[in-house]
Each structure stands twice: as structure tokens, then as C-alpha cells.
N, C-alpha and C. Protein backbone atom coordinates (compact mmCIF):
# COMPACT_ATOMS: atom_id res chain seq x y z
N UNK A 1 0.87 -1.29 -0.23
CA UNK A 1 -0.15 0.04 -0.06
C UNK A 1 1.02 1.41 0.00
N UNK A 2 0.49 2.13 -1.00
CA UNK A 2 1.43 3.66 -0.75
C UNK A 2 0.79 4.41 0.25
N UNK A 3 1.81 4.98 0.59
CA UNK A 3 1.74 5.97 1.80
C UNK A 3 0.73 7.29 1.11
N UNK A 4 -0.11 7.86 2.12
CA UNK A 4 -0.98 8.92 2.00
C UNK A 4 -0.05 10.06 2.33
N UNK A 5 -0.42 11.20 1.37
CA UNK A 5 0.37 12.55 1.49
C UNK A 5 -0.79 13.71 1.35
N UNK A 6 -0.13 14.79 1.90
CA UNK A 6 -0.87 15.83 2.02
C UNK A 6 -0.07 17.13 1.55
N UNK A 7 -0.67 17.95 0.74
CA UNK A 7 -0.18 19.35 0.40
C UNK A 7 -1.31 20.26 0.72
N UNK A 8 -1.00 21.27 1.75
CA UNK A 8 -1.71 22.43 1.85
C UNK A 8 -1.17 23.95 1.37
N UNK A 9 -1.78 24.38 0.54
CA UNK A 9 -1.37 25.93 0.12
C UNK A 9 -2.18 26.88 0.18
N UNK A 10 -1.50 28.16 -0.17
CA UNK A 10 -2.28 29.26 0.05
C UNK A 10 -1.94 30.00 -1.50
N UNK A 11 -2.86 30.92 -1.92
CA UNK A 11 -2.61 31.57 -3.19
C UNK A 11 -3.36 32.53 -3.41
N UNK A 12 -3.04 33.75 -4.36
CA UNK A 12 -4.01 34.71 -4.20
C UNK A 12 -4.73 34.56 -5.85
N UNK A 13 -5.97 34.99 -5.88
CA UNK A 13 -6.74 34.66 -7.01
C UNK A 13 -6.20 35.86 -8.00
N UNK A 14 -5.98 35.65 -9.28
CA UNK A 14 -5.47 36.40 -10.32
C UNK A 14 -6.55 37.62 -10.49
N UNK A 15 -5.77 38.72 -10.88
CA UNK A 15 -6.67 39.98 -10.86
C UNK A 15 -7.99 39.78 -12.12
N UNK A 16 -9.18 40.24 -11.79
CA UNK A 16 -10.17 39.90 -12.49
C UNK A 16 -10.90 38.57 -12.61
N UNK A 17 -10.33 37.68 -11.39
CA UNK A 17 -11.18 36.21 -11.62
C UNK A 17 -12.71 36.40 -11.08
N UNK A 18 -13.52 36.11 -11.87
CA UNK A 18 -14.96 36.27 -11.49
C UNK A 18 -15.48 34.73 -10.69
N UNK A 19 -16.46 35.30 -10.08
CA UNK A 19 -17.09 34.28 -9.06
C UNK A 19 -17.48 32.88 -9.76
N UNK A 20 -18.02 32.76 -11.18
CA UNK A 20 -18.23 31.86 -11.93
C UNK A 20 -17.01 31.28 -12.37
N UNK A 21 -15.86 31.88 -12.63
CA UNK A 21 -14.67 31.18 -12.79
C UNK A 21 -14.32 30.18 -11.55
N UNK A 22 -14.45 30.73 -10.21
CA UNK A 22 -14.20 30.11 -9.19
C UNK A 22 -15.09 28.78 -8.96
N UNK A 23 -16.32 28.73 -9.75
CA UNK A 23 -17.25 27.58 -9.75
C UNK A 23 -16.79 26.64 -10.78
N UNK A 24 -16.23 27.34 -11.81
CA UNK A 24 -15.60 26.52 -13.02
C UNK A 24 -14.27 25.59 -12.52
N UNK A 25 -13.61 26.33 -11.66
CA UNK A 25 -12.36 25.47 -10.97
C UNK A 25 -12.66 24.60 -10.12
N UNK A 26 -13.77 24.72 -9.53
CA UNK A 26 -14.33 23.79 -8.62
C UNK A 26 -14.93 22.61 -9.56
N UNK A 27 -15.56 22.52 -10.27
CA UNK A 27 -16.29 21.48 -11.01
C UNK A 27 -15.35 20.67 -11.79
N UNK A 28 -14.16 21.28 -12.39
CA UNK A 28 -13.13 20.64 -12.87
C UNK A 28 -12.23 19.72 -11.86
N UNK A 29 -11.90 20.68 -10.90
CA UNK A 29 -11.24 20.18 -9.84
C UNK A 29 -12.08 18.56 -9.31
N UNK A 30 -13.05 18.65 -8.97
CA UNK A 30 -13.99 17.50 -8.40
C UNK A 30 -13.68 16.37 -9.32
N UNK A 31 -13.86 16.61 -10.61
CA UNK A 31 -13.92 15.40 -11.76
C UNK A 31 -12.39 14.98 -11.70
N UNK A 32 -11.20 15.86 -11.99
CA UNK A 32 -9.88 15.50 -12.21
C UNK A 32 -9.47 14.88 -10.64
N UNK A 33 -9.86 15.12 -9.33
CA UNK A 33 -9.61 14.71 -8.33
C UNK A 33 -10.24 13.25 -7.90
N UNK A 34 -11.20 13.02 -8.33
CA UNK A 34 -12.10 11.66 -8.18
C UNK A 34 -11.35 10.93 -9.07
N UNK A 35 -11.05 11.16 -10.52
CA UNK A 35 -10.22 10.10 -11.24
C UNK A 35 -8.92 9.80 -10.78
N UNK A 36 -8.19 10.84 -9.96
CA UNK A 36 -6.81 10.51 -9.36
C UNK A 36 -7.02 9.91 -7.85
N UNK A 37 -8.22 9.75 -7.59
CA UNK A 37 -8.45 9.15 -5.89
C UNK A 37 -7.53 10.44 -5.27
N UNK A 38 -7.90 11.52 -5.39
CA UNK A 38 -7.16 12.69 -4.56
C UNK A 38 -8.64 13.35 -3.98
N UNK A 39 -8.18 13.55 -2.73
CA UNK A 39 -9.59 14.24 -1.57
C UNK A 39 -9.21 15.61 -1.35
N UNK A 40 -10.08 16.52 -0.93
CA UNK A 40 -9.48 17.89 -0.14
C UNK A 40 -10.48 18.61 -0.13
N UNK A 41 -10.06 19.92 0.23
CA UNK A 41 -11.10 21.07 0.24
C UNK A 41 -10.49 22.26 0.13
N UNK A 42 -11.25 23.10 -0.79
CA UNK A 42 -10.81 24.21 -1.08
C UNK A 42 -11.89 25.57 -0.77
N UNK A 43 -10.99 26.30 0.03
CA UNK A 43 -11.55 27.65 0.65
C UNK A 43 -11.55 28.95 -0.36
N UNK A 44 -12.04 29.68 -0.59
CA UNK A 44 -11.83 30.80 -1.08
C UNK A 44 -12.48 31.81 -0.59
N UNK A 45 -11.62 33.08 -0.31
CA UNK A 45 -12.11 34.31 0.59
C UNK A 45 -11.24 35.38 0.33
N UNK A 46 -11.60 36.58 0.47
CA UNK A 46 -10.87 37.76 0.20
C UNK A 46 -9.91 37.84 -1.22
N UNK A 47 -10.18 37.13 -2.13
CA UNK A 47 -9.36 36.82 -3.36
C UNK A 47 -8.19 36.17 -3.09
N UNK A 48 -8.51 35.13 -2.07
CA UNK A 48 -7.47 34.14 -1.52
C UNK A 48 -7.65 32.71 -1.74
N UNK A 49 -7.06 31.73 -1.92
CA UNK A 49 -7.19 30.35 -2.09
C UNK A 49 -6.67 29.73 -0.76
N UNK A 50 -7.08 28.66 -0.19
CA UNK A 50 -6.50 28.02 0.71
C UNK A 50 -6.98 26.66 0.21
N UNK A 51 -6.08 25.55 -0.24
CA UNK A 51 -6.52 24.20 -0.53
C UNK A 51 -5.57 23.34 0.22
N UNK A 52 -6.30 22.26 0.49
CA UNK A 52 -5.50 20.71 0.94
C UNK A 52 -5.95 19.60 -0.18
N UNK A 53 -4.90 19.03 -0.58
CA UNK A 53 -5.00 17.71 -1.46
C UNK A 53 -4.40 16.78 -0.61
N UNK A 54 -4.87 15.50 -0.57
CA UNK A 54 -4.62 14.56 -0.04
C UNK A 54 -4.55 13.14 -0.74
N UNK A 55 -3.72 12.13 -0.64
CA UNK A 55 -4.09 10.82 -1.29
C UNK A 55 -2.64 10.21 -1.53
N UNK A 56 -2.53 9.34 -2.71
CA UNK A 56 -1.31 8.73 -2.81
C UNK A 56 -0.36 9.52 -3.20
N UNK A 57 0.89 9.78 -2.91
CA UNK A 57 2.03 11.08 -2.95
C UNK A 57 2.15 11.43 -4.66
N UNK A 58 2.21 10.23 -5.23
CA UNK A 58 2.51 10.78 -6.72
C UNK A 58 1.09 11.45 -7.44
N UNK A 59 0.09 10.94 -7.14
CA UNK A 59 -1.22 11.46 -7.46
C UNK A 59 -1.34 12.98 -6.89
N UNK A 60 -1.12 13.24 -5.49
CA UNK A 60 -1.32 14.44 -4.79
C UNK A 60 -0.17 15.56 -5.53
N UNK A 61 1.01 14.83 -5.66
CA UNK A 61 2.17 15.77 -6.36
C UNK A 61 1.72 16.14 -7.81
N UNK A 62 1.46 15.03 -8.46
CA UNK A 62 0.85 15.61 -9.93
C UNK A 62 -0.22 16.66 -10.11
N UNK A 63 -1.29 16.63 -9.22
CA UNK A 63 -2.43 17.44 -9.15
C UNK A 63 -2.00 18.76 -8.95
N UNK A 64 -0.84 18.68 -7.88
CA UNK A 64 -0.58 20.19 -7.12
C UNK A 64 0.28 20.65 -8.21
N UNK A 65 1.03 19.80 -9.03
CA UNK A 65 2.06 20.47 -9.85
C UNK A 65 1.22 21.17 -11.15
N UNK A 66 0.12 20.79 -11.53
CA UNK A 66 -0.91 20.98 -12.51
C UNK A 66 -1.57 22.39 -12.05
N UNK A 67 -1.86 22.39 -10.78
CA UNK A 67 -2.42 23.35 -10.15
C UNK A 67 -1.39 24.51 -9.93
N UNK A 68 -0.35 24.51 -9.61
CA UNK A 68 0.77 25.48 -9.71
C UNK A 68 0.96 26.18 -11.02
N UNK A 69 0.69 25.74 -12.14
CA UNK A 69 0.82 25.92 -13.41
C UNK A 69 -0.24 26.86 -14.06
N UNK A 70 -1.52 26.71 -13.07
CA UNK A 70 -2.79 27.61 -13.46
C UNK A 70 -2.63 28.94 -13.38
N UNK A 71 -2.89 29.92 -14.47
CA UNK A 71 -2.77 31.13 -14.51
C UNK A 71 -3.87 31.87 -13.68
N UNK A 72 -4.64 31.10 -13.12
CA UNK A 72 -5.79 31.92 -12.32
C UNK A 72 -5.57 32.11 -11.09
N UNK A 73 -4.36 31.85 -10.52
CA UNK A 73 -3.72 32.22 -9.05
C UNK A 73 -2.61 32.20 -9.29
N UNK A 74 -2.02 33.08 -8.29
CA UNK A 74 -0.24 33.47 -8.30
C UNK A 74 -0.28 33.42 -6.70
N UNK A 75 1.12 33.54 -6.63
CA UNK A 75 1.80 33.63 -5.16
C UNK A 75 1.61 32.29 -4.34
N UNK A 76 1.68 31.14 -4.94
CA UNK A 76 1.48 30.20 -4.32
C UNK A 76 2.49 29.87 -3.14
N UNK A 77 2.00 29.55 -2.07
CA UNK A 77 2.88 29.48 -0.67
C UNK A 77 2.54 27.89 -0.20
N UNK A 78 3.21 27.35 -0.01
CA UNK A 78 2.94 25.82 0.50
C UNK A 78 3.12 25.96 2.21
N UNK A 79 2.13 25.62 2.54
CA UNK A 79 1.93 25.70 4.23
C UNK A 79 2.49 24.62 4.62
N UNK A 80 1.98 23.15 4.20
CA UNK A 80 2.25 21.83 4.68
C UNK A 80 2.62 21.23 3.51
N UNK A 81 3.63 19.86 3.60
CA UNK A 81 3.67 19.14 2.44
C UNK A 81 4.30 17.93 3.42
N UNK A 82 3.11 16.95 3.61
CA UNK A 82 3.54 15.97 4.50
C UNK A 82 3.03 14.36 4.40
N UNK A 83 3.62 13.56 4.69
CA UNK A 83 3.02 12.27 5.19
C UNK A 83 1.82 12.41 6.03
N UNK A 84 0.67 11.62 5.85
CA UNK A 84 -0.40 11.47 6.53
C UNK A 84 -0.77 10.16 6.94
N UNK A 85 -1.41 9.62 7.83
CA UNK A 85 -1.90 8.45 8.33
C UNK A 85 -3.07 8.14 7.90
N UNK A 86 -3.94 9.15 7.71
CA UNK A 86 -5.48 9.04 7.20
C UNK A 86 -5.86 9.93 6.61
N UNK A 87 -6.57 9.75 5.78
CA UNK A 87 -7.37 11.10 4.81
C UNK A 87 -8.10 12.10 6.12
N UNK A 88 -8.09 13.21 5.72
CA UNK A 88 -8.90 14.11 6.46
C UNK A 88 -10.15 14.37 5.88
N UNK A 89 -10.30 14.32 4.35
CA UNK A 89 -11.30 14.58 3.86
C UNK A 89 -11.84 13.49 2.72
N UNK A 90 -11.71 12.22 3.58
CA UNK A 90 -12.09 11.16 2.84
C UNK A 90 -13.64 10.96 1.80
N UNK A 91 -14.58 11.93 2.30
CA UNK A 91 -15.42 11.43 1.28
C UNK A 91 -15.43 12.96 0.12
N UNK A 92 -14.70 13.57 0.32
CA UNK A 92 -14.61 14.88 -0.47
C UNK A 92 -13.60 14.92 -1.83
N UNK A 93 -14.18 14.62 -2.86
CA UNK A 93 -13.10 14.81 -4.16
C UNK A 93 -12.77 16.41 -3.90
N UNK A 94 -13.56 17.30 -3.51
CA UNK A 94 -13.13 18.57 -3.36
C UNK A 94 -14.20 19.29 -2.66
N UNK A 95 -13.87 19.26 -1.23
CA UNK A 95 -15.35 20.06 -0.47
C UNK A 95 -15.24 21.36 -0.99
N UNK A 96 -16.09 22.63 -0.65
CA UNK A 96 -15.52 23.83 -1.16
C UNK A 96 -16.69 24.76 -0.23
N UNK A 97 -15.96 25.83 0.29
CA UNK A 97 -16.39 27.00 1.37
C UNK A 97 -16.12 28.29 0.62
N UNK A 98 -16.83 29.30 0.38
CA UNK A 98 -16.66 30.39 -0.21
C UNK A 98 -16.95 31.33 1.46
N UNK A 99 -16.14 31.90 1.68
CA UNK A 99 -16.19 32.57 3.04
C UNK A 99 -15.75 34.21 2.99
N UNK A 100 -16.52 34.77 3.97
CA UNK A 100 -16.54 36.15 4.31
C UNK A 100 -15.25 36.47 5.51
N UNK A 101 -14.40 37.60 5.31
CA UNK A 101 -13.43 37.74 6.33
C UNK A 101 -14.39 38.00 7.64
N UNK A 102 -13.57 37.45 8.82
CA UNK A 102 -14.28 37.63 9.72
C UNK A 102 -15.30 36.65 10.22
N UNK A 103 -15.42 35.74 9.12
CA UNK A 103 -16.47 34.60 9.51
C UNK A 103 -16.26 33.48 10.50
N UNK A 104 -14.91 33.26 10.79
CA UNK A 104 -14.51 32.40 11.76
C UNK A 104 -13.26 33.32 12.42
N UNK A 105 -13.02 32.94 13.82
CA UNK A 105 -12.12 33.25 14.59
C UNK A 105 -10.77 32.90 13.77
N UNK A 106 -10.49 31.67 13.40
CA UNK A 106 -9.16 31.42 12.83
C UNK A 106 -9.18 31.96 11.09
N UNK A 107 -10.00 32.67 10.71
CA UNK A 107 -9.65 33.07 9.38
C UNK A 107 -8.66 33.85 9.03
N UNK A 108 -8.15 35.02 10.11
CA UNK A 108 -6.97 35.52 9.90
C UNK A 108 -5.83 34.80 10.03
N UNK A 109 -5.93 33.90 10.59
CA UNK A 109 -4.64 33.09 10.83
C UNK A 109 -4.40 32.15 9.98
N UNK A 110 -5.20 32.03 9.07
CA UNK A 110 -5.11 31.16 7.89
C UNK A 110 -4.98 31.99 6.58
N UNK A 111 -5.48 32.85 6.15
CA UNK A 111 -5.86 33.41 5.26
C UNK A 111 -4.60 34.50 5.03
N UNK A 112 -4.31 35.46 6.35
CA UNK A 112 -3.35 36.43 6.00
C UNK A 112 -2.30 35.66 6.97
N UNK A 113 -1.51 34.60 6.93
CA UNK A 113 -0.21 34.29 7.27
C UNK A 113 0.77 34.84 6.95
N UNK A 114 1.74 35.32 7.95
CA UNK A 114 2.91 35.93 7.75
C UNK A 114 4.00 35.16 6.73
N UNK A 115 3.78 35.41 5.25
CA UNK A 115 4.79 34.68 4.43
C UNK A 115 6.10 34.47 4.88
N UNK A 116 6.77 35.66 5.31
CA UNK A 116 8.00 35.42 5.60
C UNK A 116 8.36 34.22 6.83
N UNK A 117 7.47 34.13 7.90
CA UNK A 117 7.44 33.15 8.78
C UNK A 117 7.43 31.65 7.90
N UNK A 118 6.48 31.81 7.38
CA UNK A 118 6.16 30.31 6.75
C UNK A 118 7.25 29.78 5.75
N UNK A 119 7.80 31.03 5.14
CA UNK A 119 8.92 30.59 4.07
C UNK A 119 10.17 30.05 5.01
N UNK A 120 10.18 30.22 6.06
CA UNK A 120 11.43 29.83 7.11
C UNK A 120 10.95 28.32 7.47
N UNK A 121 9.81 28.10 7.90
CA UNK A 121 9.28 26.83 8.63
C UNK A 121 8.12 26.96 9.25
N UNK A 122 6.93 26.50 8.88
CA UNK A 122 5.95 26.43 9.63
C UNK A 122 5.76 25.72 10.82
N UNK A 123 5.27 26.32 11.96
CA UNK A 123 5.88 25.59 13.14
C UNK A 123 4.44 24.67 13.43
N UNK A 124 4.40 23.75 14.37
CA UNK A 124 3.31 22.51 14.64
C UNK A 124 2.21 23.45 14.87
N UNK A 125 2.15 24.52 15.86
CA UNK A 125 1.02 24.97 16.50
C UNK A 125 0.39 25.77 15.22
N UNK A 126 0.97 26.22 14.45
CA UNK A 126 0.70 27.07 12.97
C UNK A 126 0.00 26.08 12.44
N UNK A 127 0.47 25.15 12.09
CA UNK A 127 0.32 23.82 11.13
C UNK A 127 -0.95 23.07 11.61
N UNK A 128 -1.24 23.01 12.79
CA UNK A 128 -2.45 22.53 13.72
C UNK A 128 -3.44 23.55 13.58
N UNK A 129 -3.14 24.89 13.68
CA UNK A 129 -4.23 25.78 13.35
C UNK A 129 -4.96 25.56 12.08
N UNK A 130 -4.03 25.56 11.26
CA UNK A 130 -4.62 25.51 9.60
C UNK A 130 -5.46 24.19 9.54
N UNK A 131 -5.11 23.04 9.83
CA UNK A 131 -5.76 22.08 9.93
C UNK A 131 -6.98 21.83 10.80
N UNK A 132 -6.82 22.30 11.90
CA UNK A 132 -8.24 22.65 12.39
C UNK A 132 -9.47 23.16 11.90
N UNK A 133 -9.01 24.33 11.25
CA UNK A 133 -9.72 25.47 10.80
C UNK A 133 -10.18 24.59 9.12
N UNK A 134 -9.43 23.71 8.56
CA UNK A 134 -9.98 23.29 7.27
C UNK A 134 -10.72 22.35 7.78
N UNK A 135 -10.43 21.28 8.79
CA UNK A 135 -11.32 20.13 9.06
C UNK A 135 -12.59 20.54 9.63
N UNK A 136 -12.54 21.88 10.13
CA UNK A 136 -13.86 22.08 10.74
C UNK A 136 -14.97 22.38 9.88
N UNK A 137 -14.84 22.45 8.60
CA UNK A 137 -15.81 22.64 7.24
C UNK A 137 -16.19 21.03 7.22
N UNK A 138 -15.28 20.21 7.32
CA UNK A 138 -15.82 18.65 6.73
C UNK A 138 -16.56 18.09 7.98
N UNK A 139 -16.31 18.66 9.21
CA UNK A 139 -17.11 18.10 10.29
C UNK A 139 -18.45 18.88 10.60
N UNK A 140 -18.48 20.01 9.99
CA UNK A 140 -19.75 20.78 10.15
C UNK A 140 -20.72 19.99 9.04
N UNK A 141 -20.11 19.72 8.01
CA UNK A 141 -20.56 19.02 6.74
C UNK A 141 -21.56 17.83 7.08
N UNK A 142 -20.53 16.82 8.06
CA UNK A 142 -20.99 15.76 8.27
C UNK A 142 -21.83 15.58 9.05
N UNK A 143 -21.82 16.55 10.34
CA UNK A 143 -22.83 16.55 11.18
C UNK A 143 -24.13 16.99 10.41
N UNK A 144 -24.00 17.91 9.49
CA UNK A 144 -25.25 18.32 8.75
C UNK A 144 -26.07 16.93 7.94
N UNK A 145 -25.23 16.22 7.41
CA UNK A 145 -25.85 14.94 6.94
C UNK A 145 -26.34 13.90 8.10
N UNK A 146 -26.16 13.95 9.36
CA UNK A 146 -26.90 13.08 10.23
C UNK A 146 -27.99 13.02 10.13
């Protein structure tokens, strides 16, 4: 069995990216991720994206490489790139939330991370805060389905 792997990144939407284009990104991402057995979550807020991708390492890295070439966003900053023992978003080819600034107490901690600090090395507490924030959407959706 291959090892599960996870990449979490932050990026800025390209100038002029329309809401309908974000919807198009999501539709294509869900189809591609499902065929590659990649799961994850995409958040969009304040003209920024935060995305987590997880699955078999080569599939995750290939998916991320394709995303990194997409001109609809810039300034990609990898927050986490690590092996994982289990998927956090196992039922989502690509979960999605469109957020408003201030919607969550952790919004600023995730969407306005100090790039200089992250480029040095993300600390375990920072990484935990990012993952707790991302998993909160999955947990809420799972509870709503019950």
C-alpha cells in the first residue's frame, strides 16, 4: 500500500477572477480529483485560496504541479507538505466553502499568514491551527448529513 500524502497551500486569485470562474475551477477539480483518487478542501475568501490535497503521493504531487501552473492564481505558498496516516477529507473529491472575512475566529490565522515566517518553516502549532480550521468545514458538513 502506498503512503498517503498531503499538501496545503495558500494562493492569491488572479486579478479579475470572476465568481463564475471559481465555480468552474471547482467543477473541473472535483472530476479530476475523483479520477486521481485525490480528496481535499478548497476555501475561497478575500481573493485568496487555501486548498488541501490528499491521497497517494504521486497523485497529490501531480495534481499540485498542474494547479501550480494555473494562471488563475499567483503567489503560491506551500503551508504543509507531509505524509499523513489517514485522509482528513475522505468523502470529498473537493469540498468547497466561499467565506467572508471575519466569518471565523481562525480566518485571519489561515488567510493572512505571515509569508516570511512560513517560508522559513511552519511551526507545529501553526500547522495544527490551519488543519483544525480546514477540518472544521468537513466536520460541520458531516454533522449536517446526520
